[in-house]
């Protein structure tokens, strides 16, 4: 190898090491996001359980019409009632579909959806599962709200939610039996796992509530209580 060629190679190696060191330092200097109540909610897009794009800008701080029905006492028939206003959005991050705690949490939100909808609240679950797994989970437990696929944890990171390694999961149905897909028990690999954190985005698009120590069975109840108190102040 000639001296000039050796110098060029050495220079290239040095530049490469310098760039790598700089990138490592940048990564080291990155601080985790720490959203506070009152901060604007981060904007993002993710595929939902149907594989369609769900954009936060279409929901945070937006108006909607809520229509619901009830039966008046001593009067036959149903009466339609509606109100028009800005909505609250519950964004709850959870470890994964078909796991015991996450199933309990989802079913609790499912049971509370009618009352939450009447209060102008939308519920959205986010995990590192795929669109396909979300679709199966939603159908297996007849869930009536949106699930978003954050497979690489990018949105979890925007909200400061810890996102760790994935897991292999054996899916079970509503009767706690193995979920069968194409005649075989459904087993899948989740790429990453989010911590169980819940946020509420208020009608102005700001973080109104943050819970980093969520109990799966109590989450929906605590959210309903919070919305009741917060709505009185609005």
Protein backbone atom coordinates (compact mmCIF):
# COMPACT_ATOMS: atom_id res chain seq x y z
CA UNK A 1 0.00 0.00 0.00
CA UNK A 2 1.43 3.40 -0.94
CA UNK A 3 1.93 6.08 1.69
CA UNK A 4 -0.68 8.35 0.10
CA UNK A 5 -3.29 5.57 -0.05
CA UNK A 6 -2.54 4.69 3.58
CA UNK A 7 -3.07 8.33 4.60
CA UNK A 8 -6.43 8.48 2.80
CA UNK A 9 -7.58 5.23 4.45
CA UNK A 10 -6.48 6.43 7.86
CA UNK A 11 -8.26 9.74 7.35
CA UNK A 12 -11.46 7.95 6.33
CA UNK A 13 -11.28 5.73 9.39
CA UNK A 14 -10.70 8.69 11.67
CA UNK A 15 -13.66 10.59 10.21
CA UNK A 16 -15.87 7.52 10.60
CA UNK A 17 -14.88 7.09 14.24
CA UNK A 18 -15.45 10.80 14.86
CA UNK A 19 -18.94 10.66 13.34
CA UNK A 20 -19.82 7.55 15.33
CA UNK A 21 -18.62 9.15 18.54
CA UNK A 22 -20.63 12.28 17.80
CA UNK A 23 -23.77 10.26 17.18
CA UNK A 24 -23.22 8.35 20.43
CA UNK A 25 -22.79 11.62 22.33
CA UNK A 26 -25.96 13.04 20.79
CA UNK A 27 -27.89 9.95 21.82
CA UNK A 28 -26.39 10.12 25.29
CA UNK A 29 -27.42 13.77 25.62
CA UNK A 30 -31.04 13.04 24.63
CA UNK A 31 -33.34 13.60 27.56
CA UNK A 32 -36.53 11.59 27.94
CA UNK A 33 -39.72 13.54 27.35
CA UNK A 34 -41.50 14.54 30.55
CA UNK A 35 -44.92 15.91 29.64
CA UNK A 36 -46.64 17.99 32.28
CA UNK A 37 -50.31 18.79 32.79
CA UNK A 38 -50.98 21.90 30.71
CA UNK A 39 -48.46 21.02 27.98
CA UNK A 40 -49.72 20.78 24.39
CA UNK A 41 -50.32 17.15 23.43
CA UNK A 42 -47.81 15.85 20.87
CA UNK A 43 -49.14 15.36 17.35
CA UNK A 44 -48.75 12.03 15.57
CA UNK A 45 -50.15 9.54 13.08
CA UNK A 46 -50.52 5.79 13.53
CA UNK A 47 -52.43 2.97 11.83
CA UNK A 48 -55.56 1.89 13.67
CA UNK A 49 -56.99 -1.60 14.11
CA UNK A 50 -58.47 -1.41 10.60
CA UNK A 51 -55.14 -0.47 9.04
CA UNK A 52 -56.29 3.09 8.36
CA UNK A 53 -54.34 6.18 9.35
CA UNK A 54 -55.41 7.83 12.62
CA UNK A 55 -54.17 11.38 13.04
CA UNK A 56 -54.19 13.18 16.38
CA UNK A 57 -54.77 16.48 14.56
CA UNK A 58 -58.21 15.18 13.55
CA UNK A 59 -59.16 14.54 17.18
CA UNK A 60 -57.25 16.72 19.64
CA UNK A 61 -59.05 20.00 20.24
CA UNK A 62 -61.75 19.17 17.68
CA UNK A 63 -65.52 19.45 17.90
CA UNK A 64 -67.91 16.55 17.53
CA UNK A 65 -71.59 15.72 17.78
CA UNK A 66 -72.67 13.17 20.36
CA UNK A 67 -76.01 11.45 19.76
CA UNK A 68 -77.45 8.96 22.21
CA UNK A 69 -80.81 7.45 23.07
CA UNK A 70 -82.71 6.80 26.25
CA UNK A 71 -86.23 5.82 27.30
CA UNK A 72 -88.25 8.21 29.45
CA UNK A 73 -89.96 6.71 32.45
CA UNK A 74 -93.64 5.93 31.80
CA UNK A 75 -93.29 6.95 28.16
CA UNK A 76 -92.87 4.51 25.26
CA UNK A 77 -90.19 4.87 22.60
CA UNK A 78 -86.70 6.24 22.59
CA UNK A 79 -85.74 9.88 22.77
CA UNK A 80 -82.69 11.11 20.86
CA UNK A 81 -80.52 13.61 22.64
CA UNK A 82 -77.45 15.28 21.27
CA UNK A 83 -74.88 17.90 22.10
CA UNK A 84 -72.23 19.64 20.08
CA UNK A 85 -68.93 20.60 21.58
CA UNK A 86 -65.24 19.89 21.90
CA UNK A 87 -64.20 16.45 23.03
CA UNK A 88 -61.84 14.92 25.53
CA UNK A 89 -59.51 12.16 24.32
CA UNK A 90 -58.27 9.40 26.60
CA UNK A 91 -54.98 8.07 25.25
CA UNK A 92 -53.90 5.02 27.17
CA UNK A 93 -50.65 3.18 26.52
CA UNK A 94 -50.63 -0.47 27.53
CA UNK A 95 -48.12 -3.35 27.33
CA UNK A 96 -49.91 -5.62 24.87
CA UNK A 97 -52.96 -7.33 23.43
CA UNK A 98 -54.21 -10.56 24.96
CA UNK A 99 -52.28 -10.16 28.21
CA UNK A 100 -54.33 -10.51 31.44
CA UNK A 101 -53.93 -6.98 32.80
CA UNK A 102 -54.42 -5.31 29.42
CA UNK A 103 -57.53 -7.39 28.73
CA UNK A 104 -58.97 -6.34 32.11
CA UNK A 105 -58.20 -2.69 31.37
CA UNK A 106 -59.73 -2.83 27.88
CA UNK A 107 -62.90 -4.54 29.12
CA UNK A 108 -63.32 -1.90 31.83
CA UNK A 109 -63.13 0.88 29.23
CA UNK A 110 -65.53 -1.09 27.05
CA UNK A 111 -68.09 -1.25 29.85
CA UNK A 112 -67.75 2.49 30.53
CA UNK A 113 -67.93 3.65 26.89
CA UNK A 114 -71.62 4.61 26.82
CA UNK A 115 -71.25 6.96 29.79
CA UNK A 116 -67.93 8.31 28.56
CA UNK A 117 -69.36 8.99 25.11
CA UNK A 118 -72.24 10.92 26.65
CA UNK A 119 -69.66 13.13 28.36
CA UNK A 120 -67.91 13.79 25.03
CA UNK A 121 -64.99 11.44 25.66
CA UNK A 122 -63.18 9.32 23.06
CA UNK A 123 -60.97 6.43 24.17
CA UNK A 124 -57.89 5.31 22.23
CA UNK A 125 -55.56 2.48 23.23
CA UNK A 126 -51.92 2.39 22.05
CA UNK A 127 -49.47 -0.51 22.21
CA UNK A 128 -46.55 -2.04 20.32
CA UNK A 129 -48.81 -4.65 18.72
CA UNK A 130 -49.48 -4.93 14.99
CA UNK A 131 -52.64 -3.92 13.16
CA UNK A 132 -53.54 -7.59 12.70
CA UNK A 133 -53.20 -8.38 16.40
CA UNK A 134 -55.22 -5.28 17.34
CA UNK A 135 -57.97 -6.40 14.98
CA UNK A 136 -58.08 -9.89 16.52
CA UNK A 137 -57.96 -8.53 20.08
CA UNK A 138 -60.75 -6.07 19.38
CA UNK A 139 -62.96 -8.74 17.82
CA UNK A 140 -62.21 -11.37 20.47
CA UNK A 141 -63.42 -9.05 23.25
CA UNK A 142 -65.96 -7.00 21.25
CA UNK A 143 -64.15 -3.75 22.04
CA UNK A 144 -65.94 -0.57 21.01
CA UNK A 145 -63.06 1.90 20.82
CA UNK A 146 -59.97 2.48 18.66
CA UNK A 147 -56.62 0.72 19.04
CA UNK A 148 -53.43 2.13 17.49
CA UNK A 149 -50.31 0.20 16.42
CA UNK A 150 -47.11 1.86 17.68
CA UNK A 151 -44.78 -1.00 16.77
CA UNK A 152 -41.50 0.91 17.04
CA UNK A 153 -42.52 2.92 20.10
CA UNK A 154 -42.10 6.27 18.35
CA UNK A 155 -45.32 7.73 19.75
CA UNK A 156 -44.67 6.27 23.19
CA UNK A 157 -41.37 8.17 23.11
CA UNK A 158 -43.18 11.41 22.18
CA UNK A 159 -45.25 11.06 25.34
CA UNK A 160 -42.29 9.98 27.48
CA UNK A 161 -43.68 6.47 27.94
CA UNK A 162 -40.99 3.82 28.56
CA UNK A 163 -40.83 1.33 25.68
CA UNK A 164 -38.91 -1.91 26.11
CA UNK A 165 -38.33 -5.23 24.42
CA UNK A 166 -41.13 -7.30 22.91
CA UNK A 167 -42.53 -10.67 23.85
CA UNK A 168 -44.09 -13.82 22.48
CA UNK A 169 -47.78 -14.02 23.32
CA UNK A 170 -50.29 -16.86 23.11
CA UNK A 171 -53.67 -15.27 22.47
CA UNK A 172 -56.77 -16.32 24.39
CA UNK A 173 -60.41 -15.54 23.63
CA UNK A 174 -63.18 -14.09 25.82
CA UNK A 175 -63.72 -17.52 27.40
CA UNK A 176 -60.01 -17.76 28.23
CA UNK A 177 -59.52 -20.48 25.64
CA UNK A 178 -56.73 -20.46 23.03
CA UNK A 179 -57.72 -18.12 20.20
CA UNK A 180 -57.90 -20.15 17.01
CA UNK A 181 -56.88 -18.60 13.68
CA UNK A 182 -57.00 -20.80 10.57
CA UNK A 183 -57.54 -23.80 12.80
CA UNK A 184 -54.43 -23.20 14.90
CA UNK A 185 -53.82 -21.49 18.26
CA UNK A 186 -52.74 -17.92 17.53
CA UNK A 187 -49.28 -17.03 18.80
CA UNK A 188 -47.49 -13.84 17.87
CA UNK A 189 -44.35 -11.83 18.49
CA UNK A 190 -44.78 -8.27 19.74
CA UNK A 191 -41.86 -6.09 18.66
CA UNK A 192 -41.87 -3.80 21.68
CA UNK A 193 -43.69 -3.23 24.96
CA UNK A 194 -44.93 0.10 26.30
CA UNK A 195 -45.40 0.90 29.97
CA UNK A 196 -48.98 1.26 31.24
CA UNK A 197 -49.52 5.03 31.28
CA UNK A 198 -52.75 6.96 30.71
CA UNK A 199 -53.21 10.51 29.46
CA UNK A 200 -56.26 12.69 28.92
CA UNK A 201 -56.11 15.41 26.27
CA UNK A 202 -58.56 18.21 27.04
CA UNK A 203 -60.86 20.05 24.59
CA UNK A 204 -58.09 22.58 23.94
CA UNK A 205 -55.59 19.91 22.89
CA UNK A 206 -53.54 20.06 26.10
CA UNK A 207 -52.53 17.37 28.56
CA UNK A 208 -55.10 17.48 31.36
CA UNK A 209 -54.28 14.23 33.14
CA UNK A 210 -51.29 11.92 33.40
CA UNK A 211 -51.11 8.66 35.33
CA UNK A 212 -47.89 6.65 35.32
CA UNK A 213 -49.05 4.12 37.92
CA UNK A 214 -52.17 2.73 36.33
CA UNK A 215 -54.16 -0.13 37.86
CA UNK A 216 -55.85 -1.93 34.94
CA UNK A 217 -59.20 -2.55 36.62
CA UNK A 218 -59.48 1.02 38.00
CA UNK A 219 -58.36 3.08 35.00
CA UNK A 220 -61.76 3.64 33.36
CA UNK A 221 -63.36 4.53 36.69
CA UNK A 222 -60.65 7.06 37.55
CA UNK A 223 -60.94 8.64 34.11
CA UNK A 224 -64.73 9.02 34.44
CA UNK A 225 -64.31 10.65 37.86
CA UNK A 226 -61.65 12.99 36.50
CA UNK A 227 -63.76 14.03 33.51
CA UNK A 228 -66.74 14.76 35.78
CA UNK A 229 -64.67 17.10 37.96
CA UNK A 230 -62.79 18.70 35.08
CA UNK A 231 -65.97 19.32 33.06
CA UNK A 232 -67.44 21.29 35.95
CA UNK A 233 -64.50 23.71 35.75
CA UNK A 234 -64.69 24.20 31.97
